[in-house]
Amino acid sequence: MNPKYIVVGVFSLGIFVVVYENVWTGSPREPNPHSVQVAPGEAGAALATVAVPGLSPKAEAGRIAFEANCATCHGVNAAGQDGTAPPLVHRIYEPNHHGDAAFQLAVKNGVRAHHWHFGNMPPVPGVSEQDVDKIIAYVRALQKANGIF
């Protein structure tokens, strides 16, 4: 069989599947279940309501480091900011889904957008692993106080 016909056939089948799912059935594919959609709101508005608990000394040091290095994007008390960055006080960031090592890697290497539609997170230079450990203690304390753990 001519390879040209195979390519045309596969291409045609792909077009058929897309048209069938989106037009004829009236139901597009389900969105990625691990992707989070946020309804558009006021730019810079907090995306989560965060209760702040009493903090351990390590978590308090983490709060200070968070405010200096993370709050510009992730908002006050890790509540996120509409149009800028996601809330870290969110079920996606619970330890079973994003462990502490994920936070270390995100700060060191940045993160390709995969759950949210805010774009990629760049690395955060000048933040030590010890600082990130403190930031993690702060974020985990916020998560726990808000029923995420």
C-alpha atoms as a PDB file:
ATOM      1  CA  MET A   1       0.000   0.000   0.000  1.00  0.00           C
ATOM      2  CA  ASN A   2       1.200   3.496  -0.786  1.00  0.00           C
ATOM      3  CA  PRO A   3       2.487   5.291   2.389  1.00  0.00           C
ATOM      4  CA  LYS A   4       0.801   8.483   1.193  1.00  0.00           C
ATOM      5  CA  TYR A   5      -2.615   6.844   1.558  1.00  0.00           C
ATOM      6  CA  ILE A   6      -1.783   5.671   5.085  1.00  0.00           C
ATOM      7  CA  VAL A   7      -0.843   9.212   6.152  1.00  0.00           C
ATOM      8  CA  VAL A   8      -3.990  10.667   4.579  1.00  0.00           C
ATOM      9  CA  GLY A   9      -6.119   7.973   6.241  1.00  0.00           C
ATOM     10  CA  VAL A  10      -4.662   8.553   9.717  1.00  0.00           C
ATOM     11  CA  PHE A  11      -5.029  12.319   9.323  1.00  0.00           C
ATOM     12  CA  SER A  12      -8.644  11.937   8.193  1.00  0.00           C
ATOM     13  CA  LEU A  13      -9.432   9.666  11.130  1.00  0.00           C
ATOM     14  CA  GLY A  14      -8.007  12.259  13.542  1.00  0.00           C
ATOM     15  CA  ILE A  15     -10.144  15.009  12.007  1.00  0.00           C
ATOM     16  CA  PHE A  16     -13.218  12.765  12.234  1.00  0.00           C
ATOM     17  CA  VAL A  17     -12.653  12.031  15.945  1.00  0.00           C
ATOM     18  CA  VAL A  18     -12.246  15.723  16.822  1.00  0.00           C
ATOM     19  CA  VAL A  19     -15.312  16.765  14.824  1.00  0.00           C
ATOM     20  CA  TYR A  20     -17.387  13.873  16.174  1.00  0.00           C
ATOM     21  CA  GLU A  21     -16.532  14.585  19.822  1.00  0.00           C
ATOM     22  CA  ASN A  22     -16.884  18.357  19.643  1.00  0.00           C
ATOM     23  CA  VAL A  23     -19.619  18.956  17.083  1.00  0.00           C
ATOM     24  CA  TRP A  24     -21.819  15.951  16.573  1.00  0.00           C
ATOM     25  CA  THR A  25     -21.962  14.782  20.184  1.00  0.00           C
ATOM     26  CA  GLY A  26     -22.034  18.325  21.534  1.00  0.00           C
ATOM     27  CA  SER A  27     -19.648  17.350  24.304  1.00  0.00           C
ATOM     28  CA  PRO A  28     -15.968  18.164  24.086  1.00  0.00           C
ATOM     29  CA  ARG A  29     -13.443  15.981  25.862  1.00  0.00           C
ATOM     30  CA  GLU A  30     -13.336  16.193  29.613  1.00  0.00           C
ATOM     31  CA  PRO A  31     -10.703  18.612  30.890  1.00  0.00           C
ATOM     32  CA  ASN A  32      -7.619  17.232  32.562  1.00  0.00           C
ATOM     33  CA  PRO A  33      -8.814  16.258  36.072  1.00  0.00           C
ATOM     34  CA  HIS A  34      -5.531  17.507  37.515  1.00  0.00           C
ATOM     35  CA  SER A  35      -5.916  20.926  35.944  1.00  0.00           C
ATOM     36  CA  VAL A  36      -7.629  23.670  37.894  1.00  0.00           C
ATOM     37  CA  GLN A  37      -9.786  26.298  36.275  1.00  0.00           C
ATOM     38  CA  VAL A  38     -10.297  29.571  38.111  1.00  0.00           C
ATOM     39  CA  ALA A  39     -13.183  31.827  37.197  1.00  0.00           C
ATOM     40  CA  PRO A  40     -11.860  35.198  36.101  1.00  0.00           C
ATOM     41  CA  GLY A  41     -12.099  37.820  38.795  1.00  0.00           C
ATOM     42  CA  GLU A  42     -10.415  41.028  39.728  1.00  0.00           C
ATOM     43  CA  ALA A  43      -6.729  40.953  38.786  1.00  0.00           C
ATOM     44  CA  GLY A  44      -4.588  40.465  41.869  1.00  0.00           C
ATOM     45  CA  ALA A  45      -7.511  39.373  44.064  1.00  0.00           C
ATOM     46  CA  ALA A  46      -6.872  36.515  46.484  1.00  0.00           C
ATOM     47  CA  LEU A  47      -7.981  33.153  45.128  1.00  0.00           C
ATOM     48  CA  ALA A  48      -8.467  31.508  48.523  1.00  0.00           C
ATOM     49  CA  THR A  49      -9.644  32.520  51.955  1.00  0.00           C
ATOM     50  CA  VAL A  50      -6.922  31.537  54.385  1.00  0.00           C
ATOM     51  CA  ALA A  51      -7.224  31.207  58.157  1.00  0.00           C
ATOM     52  CA  VAL A  52      -3.850  31.879  59.786  1.00  0.00           C
ATOM     53  CA  PRO A  53      -3.040  29.764  62.859  1.00  0.00           C
ATOM     54  CA  GLY A  54      -0.548  30.412  65.604  1.00  0.00           C
ATOM     55  CA  LEU A  55       2.829  29.556  64.099  1.00  0.00           C
ATOM     56  CA  SER A  56       5.766  27.599  65.439  1.00  0.00           C
ATOM     57  CA  PRO A  57       9.106  29.458  65.435  1.00  0.00           C
ATOM     58  CA  LYS A  58      10.134  27.598  62.242  1.00  0.00           C
ATOM     59  CA  ALA A  59       6.829  28.399  60.516  1.00  0.00           C
ATOM     60  CA  GLU A  60       7.112  32.048  61.630  1.00  0.00           C
ATOM     61  CA  ALA A  61      10.591  32.194  60.069  1.00  0.00           C
ATOM     62  CA  GLY A  62       9.001  30.629  56.983  1.00  0.00           C
ATOM     63  CA  ARG A  63       6.315  33.322  56.931  1.00  0.00           C
ATOM     64  CA  ILE A  64       9.024  35.997  56.865  1.00  0.00           C
ATOM     65  CA  ALA A  65      10.895  34.184  54.071  1.00  0.00           C
ATOM     66  CA  PHE A  66       7.624  33.613  52.174  1.00  0.00           C
ATOM     67  CA  GLU A  67       6.719  37.300  52.366  1.00  0.00           C
ATOM     68  CA  ALA A  68      10.172  38.267  51.106  1.00  0.00           C
ATOM     69  CA  ASN A  69      10.366  35.766  48.251  1.00  0.00           C
ATOM     70  CA  CYS A  70       6.973  34.292  47.378  1.00  0.00           C
ATOM     71  CA  ALA A  71       4.114  36.613  48.334  1.00  0.00           C
ATOM     72  CA  THR A  72       4.658  38.917  45.365  1.00  0.00           C
ATOM     73  CA  CYS A  73       3.213  36.173  43.193  1.00  0.00           C
ATOM     74  CA  HIS A  74       1.499  33.680  45.530  1.00  0.00           C
ATOM     75  CA  GLY A  75      -0.189  36.394  47.582  1.00  0.00           C
ATOM     76  CA  VAL A  76      -0.541  37.176  51.245  1.00  0.00           C
ATOM     77  CA  ASN A  77      -0.732  33.984  53.332  1.00  0.00           C
ATOM     78  CA  ALA A  78      -0.273  31.887  50.162  1.00  0.00           C
ATOM     79  CA  ALA A  79      -3.828  32.716  49.049  1.00  0.00           C
ATOM     80  CA  GLY A  80      -2.759  33.154  45.401  1.00  0.00           C
ATOM     81  CA  GLN A  81      -3.464  36.127  43.178  1.00  0.00           C
ATOM     82  CA  ASP A  82      -5.888  36.205  40.297  1.00  0.00           C
ATOM     83  CA  GLY A  83      -3.969  36.531  37.059  1.00  0.00           C
ATOM     84  CA  THR A  84      -0.592  35.979  38.723  1.00  0.00           C
ATOM     85  CA  ALA A  85      -0.095  32.717  40.651  1.00  0.00           C
ATOM     86  CA  PRO A  86      -2.077  29.962  42.369  1.00  0.00           C
ATOM     87  CA  PRO A  87      -2.849  29.618  46.055  1.00  0.00           C
ATOM     88  CA  LEU A  88      -0.566  27.206  47.874  1.00  0.00           C
ATOM     89  CA  VAL A  89      -3.328  26.699  50.420  1.00  0.00           C
ATOM     90  CA  HIS A  90      -5.107  24.363  48.044  1.00  0.00           C
ATOM     91  CA  ARG A  91      -5.692  20.613  47.914  1.00  0.00           C
ATOM     92  CA  ILE A  92      -3.342  20.311  44.929  1.00  0.00           C
ATOM     93  CA  TYR A  93      -0.409  21.207  47.163  1.00  0.00           C
ATOM     94  CA  GLU A  94      -1.221  18.774  49.970  1.00  0.00           C
ATOM     95  CA  PRO A  95       1.769  16.616  50.936  1.00  0.00           C
ATOM     96  CA  ASN A  96       0.384  13.495  49.233  1.00  0.00           C
ATOM     97  CA  HIS A  97       0.276  15.276  45.888  1.00  0.00           C
ATOM     98  CA  HIS A  98       3.108  17.794  46.081  1.00  0.00           C
ATOM     99  CA  GLY A  99       5.565  16.695  48.714  1.00  0.00           C
ATOM    100  CA  ASP A 100       8.161  18.937  50.297  1.00  0.00           C
ATOM    101  CA  ALA A 101      10.716  17.993  47.637  1.00  0.00           C
ATOM    102  CA  ALA A 102       8.417  19.497  44.981  1.00  0.00           C
ATOM    103  CA  PHE A 103       8.662  22.875  46.722  1.00  0.00           C
ATOM    104  CA  GLN A 104      12.462  22.593  46.864  1.00  0.00           C
ATOM    105  CA  LEU A 105      12.619  21.767  43.155  1.00  0.00           C
ATOM    106  CA  ALA A 106      10.176  24.528  42.221  1.00  0.00           C
ATOM    107  CA  VAL A 107      12.285  27.180  43.923  1.00  0.00           C
ATOM    108  CA  LYS A 108      15.545  25.803  42.523  1.00  0.00           C
ATOM    109  CA  ASN A 109      14.477  24.994  38.946  1.00  0.00           C
ATOM    110  CA  GLY A 110      11.136  26.665  38.376  1.00  0.00           C
ATOM    111  CA  VAL A 111       8.035  24.741  37.305  1.00  0.00           C
ATOM    112  CA  ARG A 112       6.377  24.167  33.970  1.00  0.00           C
ATOM    113  CA  ALA A 113       2.676  25.043  34.246  1.00  0.00           C
ATOM    114  CA  HIS A 114       0.669  21.843  34.660  1.00  0.00           C
ATOM    115  CA  HIS A 115      -2.224  22.365  37.083  1.00  0.00           C
ATOM    116  CA  TRP A 116      -2.997  26.024  36.608  1.00  0.00           C
ATOM    117  CA  HIS A 117      -3.136  28.471  33.741  1.00  0.00           C
ATOM    118  CA  PHE A 118      -0.843  31.147  35.143  1.00  0.00           C
ATOM    119  CA  GLY A 119       2.153  30.208  33.032  1.00  0.00           C
ATOM    120  CA  ASN A 120       5.458  28.743  34.112  1.00  0.00           C
ATOM    121  CA  MET A 121       7.016  29.585  37.464  1.00  0.00           C
ATOM    122  CA  PRO A 122      10.611  30.779  37.122  1.00  0.00           C
ATOM    123  CA  PRO A 123      13.313  29.671  39.572  1.00  0.00           C
ATOM    124  CA  VAL A 124      13.698  31.885  42.639  1.00  0.00           C
ATOM    125  CA  PRO A 125      17.387  32.721  42.943  1.00  0.00           C
ATOM    126  CA  GLY A 126      18.965  33.452  46.304  1.00  0.00           C
ATOM    127  CA  VAL A 127      16.596  31.301  48.364  1.00  0.00           C
ATOM    128  CA  SER A 128      18.498  28.563  50.215  1.00  0.00           C
ATOM    129  CA  GLU A 129      17.257  25.041  50.871  1.00  0.00           C
ATOM    130  CA  GLN A 130      17.045  25.991  54.558  1.00  0.00           C
ATOM    131  CA  ASP A 131      14.848  28.968  53.682  1.00  0.00           C
ATOM    132  CA  VAL A 132      12.613  26.714  51.582  1.00  0.00           C
ATOM    133  CA  ASP A 133      12.342  24.271  54.519  1.00  0.00           C
ATOM    134  CA  LYS A 134      11.040  27.147  56.641  1.00  0.00           C
ATOM    135  CA  ILE A 135       8.663  28.266  53.884  1.00  0.00           C
ATOM    136  CA  ILE A 136       7.363  24.703  53.627  1.00  0.00           C
ATOM    137  CA  ALA A 137       6.729  24.667  57.407  1.00  0.00           C
ATOM    138  CA  TYR A 138       4.727  27.886  57.006  1.00  0.00           C
ATOM    139  CA  VAL A 139       2.709  26.643  54.026  1.00  0.00           C
ATOM    140  CA  ARG A 140       2.013  23.289  55.696  1.00  0.00           C
ATOM    141  CA  ALA A 141       0.835  25.093  58.871  1.00  0.00           C
ATOM    142  CA  LEU A 142      -1.544  27.184  56.744  1.00  0.00           C
ATOM    143  CA  GLN A 143      -2.757  24.097  54.913  1.00  0.00           C
ATOM    144  CA  LYS A 144      -3.391  22.201  58.125  1.00  0.00           C
ATOM    145  CA  ALA A 145      -5.284  25.143  59.653  1.00  0.00           C
ATOM    146  CA  ASN A 146      -7.450  25.230  56.535  1.00  0.00           C
ATOM    147  CA  GLY A 147      -8.279  21.519  56.410  1.00  0.00           C
ATOM    148  CA  ILE A 148      -5.753  20.560  53.753  1.00  0.00           C
ATOM    149  CA  PHE A 149      -3.527  17.758  54.955  1.00  0.00           C
END
